[in-house]
Structure formats: C-alpha cells, structure tokens
C-alpha cells in the first residue's frame, strides 16, 4: 500500500464523518426551524462549515490520486427536541476532534496535517458552541417555573397513587 493510499483512506474516513454531520445538522435545522427555534440557524451555520470541510477533504483526496467516497455511514440522527440535537452535536464534534487528532498523528505530510488541524480547530469551536447552548438550555429548564399543566399532571399522578 502506498503512502498516498493510506492517507486517502484516512481522509475518506474524515469525509464520511463530515457527511454524517452535515445530514444530522441539516435535519436538526429543519425540525427546529419548524418549531421557530433560534438554534436552527446555529445548526445551519455549522452544517455549512462541515460542507466546506467536505470540499477541502475531497480536493486533497483528488490531489493525492484518490477518489472521494461520498457515501455516509449509517446515520444516527438526534431526534426532534433541541436538547437531544445539541447532545448529538456535542457527541459528533467530540468524535471528530478525536479522529482528526489520530489522523494528524498518523499522517507525515505537513500540508495535510495543517489542513486537518485547521478543520479540527473549527470542530472545537462547534463543540464549544453546542456545549454553551446545551448549558443555557439546561439552566433555563432548571429555572423554569411550573405551569398549570405541570400542576394538573402532578395532581393527577398523586391521585393515581392513592
């Protein structure tokens, strides 16, 4: 196996991860947009960043004589609520950062290392953004005052227990 073919294989692994992230974030964007959630724009912006990463990776794969593999792995979507979508985003970004670190260490070519480090650093920014939004959401949930519906449901649960 030539040096280029092993680098192409690693870059195609990265490409596959980026495609999954795009699809997961776009689905979250569409679902949140329907619910008029401001975080839908964040999901769209991050998906657009991931699209740039796909372009950079695909171009480098072609430069190295390989074929970009644009087939996603089995998709693991987040669900329909904001909290689950943000948790999924945190997981995907952590996974990507770890993989980029491994690939940077495994690839000897400085130009490829720099590109992967740049992408990894953008993934770190996405991770920070998702963590911050998740923290804000969890704080808002903790500070939320009970509603009449909450009280009615609680009263029914207590009656059912008696």
N, C-alpha and C. Protein backbone atom coordinates (compact mmCIF):
# COMPACT_ATOMS: atom_id res chain seq x y z
N UNK A 1 0.85 -1.18 0.00
CA UNK A 1 0.00 0.00 0.00
C UNK A 1 0.89 1.24 0.00
N UNK A 2 0.65 2.15 -0.90
CA UNK A 2 1.47 3.35 -0.98
C UNK A 2 1.09 4.32 0.13
N UNK A 3 2.00 5.24 0.38
CA UNK A 3 1.76 6.28 1.39
C UNK A 3 0.49 7.06 1.05
N UNK A 4 0.34 7.42 -0.23
CA UNK A 4 -0.84 8.17 -0.64
C UNK A 4 -2.13 7.40 -0.40
N UNK A 5 -2.12 6.10 -0.66
CA UNK A 5 -3.36 5.33 -0.50
C UNK A 5 -3.77 5.24 0.97
N UNK A 6 -2.81 5.16 1.88
CA UNK A 6 -3.16 5.14 3.30
C UNK A 6 -3.67 6.50 3.76
N UNK A 7 -3.09 7.57 3.23
CA UNK A 7 -3.57 8.92 3.56
C UNK A 7 -4.97 9.12 2.98
N UNK A 8 -5.19 8.68 1.77
CA UNK A 8 -6.51 8.79 1.13
C UNK A 8 -7.56 8.04 1.96
N UNK A 9 -7.19 6.86 2.45
CA UNK A 9 -8.14 6.09 3.27
C UNK A 9 -8.52 6.88 4.53
N UNK A 10 -7.54 7.47 5.20
CA UNK A 10 -7.83 8.26 6.40
C UNK A 10 -8.68 9.49 6.07
N UNK A 11 -8.33 10.16 4.98
CA UNK A 11 -9.10 11.34 4.58
C UNK A 11 -10.53 10.97 4.20
N UNK A 12 -10.71 9.81 3.58
CA UNK A 12 -12.07 9.36 3.27
C UNK A 12 -12.85 9.04 4.54
N UNK A 13 -12.18 8.53 5.57
CA UNK A 13 -12.85 8.34 6.87
C UNK A 13 -13.33 9.68 7.41
N UNK A 14 -12.47 10.70 7.30
CA UNK A 14 -12.84 12.05 7.76
C UNK A 14 -14.00 12.59 6.93
N UNK A 15 -13.95 12.37 5.64
CA UNK A 15 -15.00 12.82 4.72
C UNK A 15 -16.35 12.19 5.11
N UNK A 16 -16.34 10.92 5.41
CA UNK A 16 -17.56 10.22 5.81
C UNK A 16 -18.15 10.84 7.09
N UNK A 17 -17.30 11.15 8.05
CA UNK A 17 -17.77 11.78 9.28
C UNK A 17 -18.38 13.15 9.02
N UNK A 18 -17.77 13.91 8.13
CA UNK A 18 -18.29 15.24 7.80
C UNK A 18 -19.65 15.13 7.12
N UNK A 19 -19.81 14.16 6.24
CA UNK A 19 -21.10 13.98 5.56
C UNK A 19 -22.18 13.63 6.58
N UNK A 20 -21.86 12.75 7.51
CA UNK A 20 -22.84 12.42 8.55
C UNK A 20 -23.23 13.67 9.33
N UNK A 21 -22.25 14.46 9.72
CA UNK A 21 -22.54 15.68 10.49
C UNK A 21 -23.44 16.62 9.70
N UNK A 22 -23.16 16.80 8.42
CA UNK A 22 -24.00 17.68 7.59
C UNK A 22 -25.45 17.22 7.62
N UNK A 23 -25.66 15.94 7.39
CA UNK A 23 -27.02 15.42 7.33
C UNK A 23 -27.73 15.51 8.68
N UNK A 24 -27.03 15.21 9.76
CA UNK A 24 -27.62 15.29 11.10
C UNK A 24 -27.96 16.74 11.43
N UNK A 25 -27.05 17.67 11.15
CA UNK A 25 -27.29 19.07 11.49
C UNK A 25 -28.37 19.69 10.61
N UNK A 26 -28.42 19.28 9.35
CA UNK A 26 -29.48 19.81 8.48
C UNK A 26 -30.85 19.30 8.93
N UNK A 27 -30.94 18.03 9.31
CA UNK A 27 -32.22 17.53 9.82
C UNK A 27 -32.63 18.30 11.07
N UNK A 28 -31.69 18.51 11.98
CA UNK A 28 -31.98 19.27 13.20
C UNK A 28 -32.42 20.69 12.84
N UNK A 29 -31.75 21.29 11.87
CA UNK A 29 -32.12 22.64 11.43
C UNK A 29 -33.57 22.67 10.94
N UNK A 30 -33.94 21.73 10.08
CA UNK A 30 -35.29 21.72 9.54
C UNK A 30 -36.33 21.52 10.64
N UNK A 31 -36.07 20.61 11.56
CA UNK A 31 -37.03 20.35 12.64
C UNK A 31 -37.15 21.55 13.58
N UNK A 32 -36.02 22.17 13.91
CA UNK A 32 -36.04 23.33 14.81
C UNK A 32 -36.64 24.55 14.14
N UNK A 33 -36.39 24.70 12.86
CA UNK A 33 -36.94 25.83 12.11
C UNK A 33 -38.47 25.76 12.13
N UNK A 34 -39.00 24.55 11.99
CA UNK A 34 -40.45 24.36 12.03
C UNK A 34 -41.01 24.76 13.39
N UNK A 35 -40.22 24.59 14.44
CA UNK A 35 -40.64 24.95 15.79
C UNK A 35 -40.27 26.40 16.14
N UNK A 36 -39.76 27.14 15.17
CA UNK A 36 -39.35 28.54 15.33
C UNK A 36 -38.30 28.69 16.43
N UNK A 37 -37.36 27.78 16.45
CA UNK A 37 -36.28 27.77 17.44
C UNK A 37 -35.08 28.52 16.88
N UNK A 38 -34.57 29.52 17.60
CA UNK A 38 -33.43 30.29 17.08
C UNK A 38 -32.17 29.44 16.87
N UNK A 39 -32.04 28.33 17.56
CA UNK A 39 -30.87 27.48 17.42
C UNK A 39 -30.83 26.83 16.05
N UNK A 40 -31.93 26.86 15.31
CA UNK A 40 -31.92 26.26 13.97
C UNK A 40 -30.87 26.92 13.08
N UNK A 41 -30.66 28.22 13.27
CA UNK A 41 -29.63 28.91 12.47
C UNK A 41 -28.23 28.44 12.82
N UNK A 42 -28.00 28.16 14.10
CA UNK A 42 -26.70 27.63 14.51
C UNK A 42 -26.45 26.30 13.82
N UNK A 43 -27.46 25.43 13.80
CA UNK A 43 -27.31 24.13 13.14
C UNK A 43 -27.01 24.31 11.65
N UNK A 44 -27.67 25.25 11.02
CA UNK A 44 -27.42 25.52 9.60
C UNK A 44 -26.00 26.02 9.39
N UNK A 45 -25.56 26.96 10.21
CA UNK A 45 -24.21 27.53 10.08
C UNK A 45 -23.13 26.46 10.27
N UNK A 46 -23.32 25.58 11.25
CA UNK A 46 -22.35 24.52 11.48
C UNK A 46 -22.36 23.54 10.30
N UNK A 47 -23.54 23.22 9.79
CA UNK A 47 -23.63 22.33 8.62
C UNK A 47 -22.88 22.94 7.43
N UNK A 48 -22.99 24.24 7.25
CA UNK A 48 -22.26 24.90 6.15
C UNK A 48 -20.75 24.81 6.35
N UNK A 49 -20.29 24.95 7.60
CA UNK A 49 -18.86 24.76 7.88
C UNK A 49 -18.43 23.34 7.51
N UNK A 50 -19.28 22.37 7.88
CA UNK A 50 -18.95 20.98 7.57
C UNK A 50 -18.89 20.76 6.06
N UNK A 51 -19.74 21.48 5.32
CA UNK A 51 -19.70 21.37 3.85
C UNK A 51 -18.37 21.87 3.30
N UNK A 52 -17.83 22.94 3.88
CA UNK A 52 -16.51 23.42 3.47
C UNK A 52 -15.45 22.37 3.75
N UNK A 53 -15.57 21.70 4.91
CA UNK A 53 -14.61 20.65 5.25
C UNK A 53 -14.65 19.52 4.22
N UNK A 54 -15.88 19.17 3.79
CA UNK A 54 -16.02 18.14 2.76
C UNK A 54 -15.27 18.56 1.49
N UNK A 55 -15.43 19.81 1.11
CA UNK A 55 -14.75 20.28 -0.10
C UNK A 55 -13.24 20.19 0.04
N UNK A 56 -12.71 20.67 1.16
CA UNK A 56 -11.26 20.63 1.37
C UNK A 56 -10.75 19.20 1.35
N UNK A 57 -11.44 18.30 2.06
CA UNK A 57 -11.01 16.91 2.13
C UNK A 57 -11.08 16.25 0.75
N UNK A 58 -12.19 16.47 0.04
CA UNK A 58 -12.35 15.86 -1.29
C UNK A 58 -11.28 16.37 -2.25
N UNK A 59 -10.99 17.66 -2.20
CA UNK A 59 -9.94 18.21 -3.08
C UNK A 59 -8.58 17.59 -2.78
N UNK A 60 -8.29 17.42 -1.49
CA UNK A 60 -6.99 16.83 -1.11
C UNK A 60 -6.94 15.36 -1.53
N UNK A 61 -8.04 14.64 -1.40
CA UNK A 61 -8.08 13.24 -1.83
C UNK A 61 -7.80 13.14 -3.32
N UNK A 62 -8.42 14.00 -4.11
CA UNK A 62 -8.20 14.00 -5.56
C UNK A 62 -6.74 14.37 -5.86
N UNK A 63 -6.21 15.39 -5.16
CA UNK A 63 -4.80 15.78 -5.35
C UNK A 63 -3.84 14.61 -5.11
N UNK A 64 -4.22 13.73 -4.19
CA UNK A 64 -3.37 12.58 -3.85
C UNK A 64 -3.64 11.38 -4.74
N UNK A 65 -4.52 11.56 -5.74
CA UNK A 65 -4.79 10.49 -6.69
C UNK A 65 -5.89 9.54 -6.27
N UNK A 66 -6.66 9.93 -5.26
CA UNK A 66 -7.74 9.07 -4.77
C UNK A 66 -9.10 9.53 -5.25
N UNK A 67 -10.10 8.76 -4.90
CA UNK A 67 -11.49 9.09 -5.21
C UNK A 67 -12.22 9.40 -3.91
N UNK A 68 -12.84 10.57 -3.81
CA UNK A 68 -13.62 10.89 -2.62
C UNK A 68 -14.82 9.93 -2.50
N UNK A 69 -14.96 9.34 -1.33
CA UNK A 69 -16.09 8.45 -1.07
C UNK A 69 -17.18 9.27 -0.38
N UNK A 70 -18.25 9.51 -1.10
CA UNK A 70 -19.31 10.38 -0.58
C UNK A 70 -20.50 9.59 -0.04
N UNK A 71 -20.25 8.40 0.43
CA UNK A 71 -21.29 7.57 0.99
C UNK A 71 -21.28 7.70 2.51
N UNK A 72 -22.38 8.14 3.10
CA UNK A 72 -22.37 8.26 4.56
C UNK A 72 -22.48 6.89 5.23
N UNK A 73 -21.97 6.82 6.44
CA UNK A 73 -22.18 5.61 7.23
C UNK A 73 -23.61 5.59 7.72
N UNK A 74 -24.01 4.57 8.42
CA UNK A 74 -25.37 4.51 8.94
C UNK A 74 -25.60 5.75 9.80
N UNK A 75 -26.60 6.51 9.43
CA UNK A 75 -26.84 7.79 10.10
C UNK A 75 -27.47 7.58 11.47
N UNK A 76 -27.01 8.38 12.39
CA UNK A 76 -27.53 8.37 13.76
C UNK A 76 -28.09 9.76 14.03
N UNK A 77 -29.38 9.95 13.67
CA UNK A 77 -30.00 11.26 13.85
C UNK A 77 -30.28 11.52 15.32
N UNK A 78 -30.56 12.78 15.63
CA UNK A 78 -30.67 13.20 17.02
C UNK A 78 -32.05 13.02 17.62
N UNK A 79 -33.08 13.23 16.90
CA UNK A 79 -34.41 13.28 17.47
C UNK A 79 -35.02 14.63 17.21
N UNK A 80 -36.18 14.86 17.74
CA UNK A 80 -36.92 16.07 17.39
C UNK A 80 -36.80 17.21 18.39
N UNK A 81 -36.19 16.99 19.53
CA UNK A 81 -36.13 18.08 20.51
C UNK A 81 -34.72 18.71 20.53
N UNK A 82 -34.69 19.95 20.95
CA UNK A 82 -33.46 20.75 20.95
C UNK A 82 -32.36 20.11 21.80
N UNK A 83 -32.71 19.65 22.98
CA UNK A 83 -31.70 19.10 23.88
C UNK A 83 -31.02 17.88 23.26
N UNK A 84 -31.79 16.99 22.68
CA UNK A 84 -31.22 15.80 22.05
C UNK A 84 -30.35 16.18 20.86
N UNK A 85 -30.78 17.17 20.08
CA UNK A 85 -30.00 17.62 18.93
C UNK A 85 -28.65 18.20 19.38
N UNK A 86 -28.66 18.99 20.44
CA UNK A 86 -27.42 19.56 20.94
C UNK A 86 -26.51 18.49 21.51
N UNK A 87 -27.08 17.53 22.23
CA UNK A 87 -26.27 16.43 22.76
C UNK A 87 -25.64 15.63 21.63
N UNK A 88 -26.39 15.41 20.57
CA UNK A 88 -25.88 14.69 19.41
C UNK A 88 -24.74 15.48 18.76
N UNK A 89 -24.93 16.81 18.67
CA UNK A 89 -23.88 17.66 18.13
C UNK A 89 -22.61 17.59 18.96
N UNK A 90 -22.73 17.61 20.27
CA UNK A 90 -21.57 17.50 21.16
C UNK A 90 -20.86 16.19 20.90
N UNK A 91 -21.62 15.10 20.82
CA UNK A 91 -21.01 13.79 20.56
C UNK A 91 -20.28 13.76 19.23
N UNK A 92 -20.93 14.22 18.16
CA UNK A 92 -20.31 14.19 16.83
C UNK A 92 -19.04 15.02 16.79
N UNK A 93 -19.06 16.19 17.42
CA UNK A 93 -17.88 17.05 17.40
C UNK A 93 -16.75 16.44 18.21
N UNK A 94 -17.06 15.83 19.36
CA UNK A 94 -16.02 15.17 20.15
C UNK A 94 -15.41 14.01 19.36
N UNK A 95 -16.27 13.25 18.71
CA UNK A 95 -15.81 12.13 17.89
C UNK A 95 -14.89 12.63 16.76
N UNK A 96 -15.29 13.70 16.10
CA UNK A 96 -14.49 14.25 15.00
C UNK A 96 -13.14 14.76 15.49
N UNK A 97 -13.13 15.46 16.60
CA UNK A 97 -11.87 16.00 17.15
C UNK A 97 -10.91 14.86 17.46
N UNK A 98 -11.41 13.81 18.09
CA UNK A 98 -10.56 12.66 18.40
C UNK A 98 -10.01 12.01 17.13
N UNK A 99 -10.87 11.85 16.13
CA UNK A 99 -10.43 11.23 14.87
C UNK A 99 -9.41 12.12 14.16
N UNK A 100 -9.65 13.43 14.13
CA UNK A 100 -8.68 14.32 13.48
C UNK A 100 -7.33 14.27 14.21
N UNK A 101 -7.35 14.23 15.53
CA UNK A 101 -6.09 14.13 16.28
C UNK A 101 -5.34 12.86 15.91
N UNK A 102 -6.05 11.73 15.80
CA UNK A 102 -5.43 10.47 15.42
C UNK A 102 -4.84 10.55 14.01
N UNK A 103 -5.58 11.16 13.09
CA UNK A 103 -5.13 11.22 11.70
C UNK A 103 -3.96 12.20 11.53
N UNK A 104 -3.97 13.27 12.29
CA UNK A 104 -2.84 14.21 12.25
C UNK A 104 -1.56 13.48 12.69
N UNK A 105 -1.69 12.66 13.73
CA UNK A 105 -0.53 11.92 14.23
C UNK A 105 -0.08 10.83 13.26
N UNK A 106 -1.02 10.27 12.50
CA UNK A 106 -0.71 9.15 11.60
C UNK A 106 -0.18 9.58 10.24
N UNK A 107 -0.40 10.83 9.86
CA UNK A 107 -0.02 11.31 8.53
C UNK A 107 1.24 12.16 8.64
N UNK A 108 2.22 11.83 7.84
CA UNK A 108 3.52 12.52 7.91
C UNK A 108 3.58 13.80 7.08
N UNK A 109 2.67 13.99 6.15
CA UNK A 109 2.74 15.12 5.24
C UNK A 109 2.27 16.41 5.95
N UNK A 110 3.18 17.40 6.10
CA UNK A 110 2.85 18.61 6.85
C UNK A 110 1.64 19.38 6.29
N UNK A 111 1.51 19.43 4.97
CA UNK A 111 0.39 20.17 4.37
C UNK A 111 -0.96 19.54 4.78
N UNK A 112 -1.02 18.24 4.75
CA UNK A 112 -2.25 17.54 5.15
C UNK A 112 -2.48 17.71 6.65
N UNK A 113 -1.42 17.63 7.43
CA UNK A 113 -1.54 17.83 8.87
C UNK A 113 -2.12 19.22 9.19
N UNK A 114 -1.63 20.24 8.49
CA UNK A 114 -2.12 21.61 8.71
C UNK A 114 -3.61 21.72 8.37
N UNK A 115 -4.00 21.12 7.25
CA UNK A 115 -5.41 21.16 6.86
C UNK A 115 -6.28 20.47 7.91
N UNK A 116 -5.86 19.30 8.34
CA UNK A 116 -6.63 18.56 9.34
C UNK A 116 -6.67 19.31 10.68
N UNK A 117 -5.57 19.94 11.04
CA UNK A 117 -5.53 20.72 12.29
C UNK A 117 -6.49 21.90 12.20
N UNK A 118 -6.56 22.52 11.03
CA UNK A 118 -7.48 23.65 10.84
C UNK A 118 -8.93 23.16 10.98
N UNK A 119 -9.25 22.05 10.34
CA UNK A 119 -10.60 21.50 10.44
C UNK A 119 -10.89 21.12 11.90
N UNK A 120 -9.93 20.45 12.54
CA UNK A 120 -10.12 20.06 13.95
C UNK A 120 -10.40 21.27 14.83
N UNK A 121 -9.69 22.36 14.59
CA UNK A 121 -9.89 23.56 15.40
C UNK A 121 -11.29 24.15 15.17
N UNK A 122 -11.79 24.07 13.95
CA UNK A 122 -13.17 24.51 13.71
C UNK A 122 -14.16 23.59 14.42
N UNK A 123 -13.85 22.29 14.47
CA UNK A 123 -14.71 21.35 15.18
C UNK A 123 -14.72 21.68 16.68
N UNK A 124 -13.59 22.11 17.20
CA UNK A 124 -13.52 22.52 18.61
C UNK A 124 -14.43 23.72 18.85
N UNK A 125 -14.46 24.67 17.90
CA UNK A 125 -15.36 25.81 18.01
C UNK A 125 -16.82 25.36 18.00
N UNK A 126 -17.15 24.40 17.12
CA UNK A 126 -18.52 23.88 17.08
C UNK A 126 -18.87 23.20 18.40
N UNK A 127 -17.93 22.44 18.94
CA UNK A 127 -18.15 21.76 20.22
C UNK A 127 -18.44 22.78 21.32
N UNK A 128 -17.63 23.82 21.38
CA UNK A 128 -17.85 24.86 22.39
C UNK A 128 -19.22 25.51 22.23
N UNK A 129 -19.61 25.76 20.99
CA UNK A 129 -20.90 26.39 20.72
C UNK A 129 -22.04 25.48 21.16
N UNK A 130 -21.97 24.20 20.81
CA UNK A 130 -23.02 23.27 21.20
C UNK A 130 -23.08 23.10 22.72
N UNK A 131 -21.92 23.02 23.37
CA UNK A 131 -21.89 22.88 24.83
C UNK A 131 -22.50 24.10 25.51
N UNK A 132 -22.18 25.28 24.99
CA UNK A 132 -22.72 26.52 25.56
C UNK A 132 -24.23 26.56 25.41
N UNK A 133 -24.74 26.22 24.24
CA UNK A 133 -26.18 26.21 24.02
C UNK A 133 -26.87 25.17 24.89
N UNK A 134 -26.25 24.02 25.05
CA UNK A 134 -26.80 22.97 25.89
C UNK A 134 -26.84 23.41 27.35
N UNK A 135 -25.78 24.06 27.80
CA UNK A 135 -25.73 24.57 29.17
C UNK A 135 -26.82 25.62 29.40
N UNK A 136 -26.98 26.53 28.44
CA UNK A 136 -28.03 27.55 28.56
C UNK A 136 -29.41 26.90 28.61
N UNK A 137 -29.62 25.89 27.80
CA UNK A 137 -30.90 25.19 27.79
C UNK A 137 -31.15 24.49 29.11
N UNK A 138 -30.14 23.82 29.65
CA UNK A 138 -30.29 23.12 30.92
C UNK A 138 -30.54 24.10 32.07
N UNK A 139 -29.88 25.25 32.03
CA UNK A 139 -30.13 26.28 33.05
C UNK A 139 -31.55 26.81 32.95
N UNK A 140 -32.01 27.02 31.72
CA UNK A 140 -33.39 27.51 31.52
C UNK A 140 -34.39 26.47 32.01
N UNK A 141 -34.12 25.20 31.77
CA UNK A 141 -35.01 24.14 32.24
C UNK A 141 -35.04 24.10 33.76
N UNK A 142 -33.89 24.29 34.40
CA UNK A 142 -33.81 24.26 35.86
C UNK A 142 -34.52 25.46 36.48
N UNK A 143 -34.49 26.60 35.78
CA UNK A 143 -35.11 27.83 36.29
C UNK A 143 -36.59 27.93 35.95
N UNK A 144 -37.08 27.03 35.10
CA UNK A 144 -38.46 27.11 34.62
C UNK A 144 -39.42 26.94 35.78
N UNK A 145 -40.38 27.81 35.84
CA UNK A 145 -41.43 27.74 36.85
C UNK A 145 -42.48 26.73 36.40
N UNK A 146 -43.08 26.02 37.35
CA UNK A 146 -44.15 25.08 36.96
C UNK A 146 -45.32 25.82 36.32
N UNK A 147 -45.92 25.18 35.36
CA UNK A 147 -47.10 25.74 34.70
C UNK A 147 -48.35 25.08 35.25
N UNK A 148 -49.50 25.59 34.89
CA UNK A 148 -50.76 25.00 35.31
C UNK A 148 -50.81 23.54 34.85
N UNK A 149 -50.34 23.28 33.64
CA UNK A 149 -50.32 21.90 33.12
C UNK A 149 -49.45 21.00 33.98
N UNK A 150 -48.29 21.53 34.43
CA UNK A 150 -47.42 20.73 35.29
C UNK A 150 -48.14 20.39 36.59
N UNK A 151 -48.82 21.40 37.16
CA UNK A 151 -49.51 21.19 38.42
C UNK A 151 -50.68 20.23 38.25
N UNK A 152 -51.39 20.33 37.15
CA UNK A 152 -52.51 19.45 36.88
C UNK A 152 -52.01 18.02 36.72
N UNK A 153 -50.94 17.84 35.95
CA UNK A 153 -50.38 16.50 35.76
C UNK A 153 -49.89 15.93 37.07
N UNK A 154 -49.24 16.75 37.91
CA UNK A 154 -48.73 16.28 39.19
C UNK A 154 -49.89 15.86 40.09
N UNK A 155 -50.95 16.65 40.06
CA UNK A 155 -52.12 16.32 40.89
C UNK A 155 -52.74 15.00 40.44
N UNK A 156 -52.79 14.76 39.16
CA UNK A 156 -53.35 13.51 38.66
C UNK A 156 -52.48 12.33 39.04
N UNK A 157 -51.17 12.53 39.01
CA UNK A 157 -50.26 11.44 39.39
C UNK A 157 -50.43 11.08 40.86
N UNK A 158 -50.57 12.12 41.72
CA UNK A 158 -50.75 11.86 43.14
C UNK A 158 -52.07 11.12 43.40
N UNK A 159 -53.13 11.53 42.68
CA UNK A 159 -54.43 10.88 42.84
C UNK A 159 -54.34 9.42 42.40
N UNK A 160 -53.61 9.16 41.34
CA UNK A 160 -53.49 7.79 40.83
C UNK A 160 -52.74 6.90 41.80
N UNK A 161 -51.81 7.49 42.59
CA UNK A 161 -51.04 6.71 43.52
C UNK A 161 -51.84 6.31 44.74
N UNK A 162 -52.90 7.07 45.04
CA UNK A 162 -53.68 6.81 46.26
C UNK A 162 -54.55 5.64 46.13
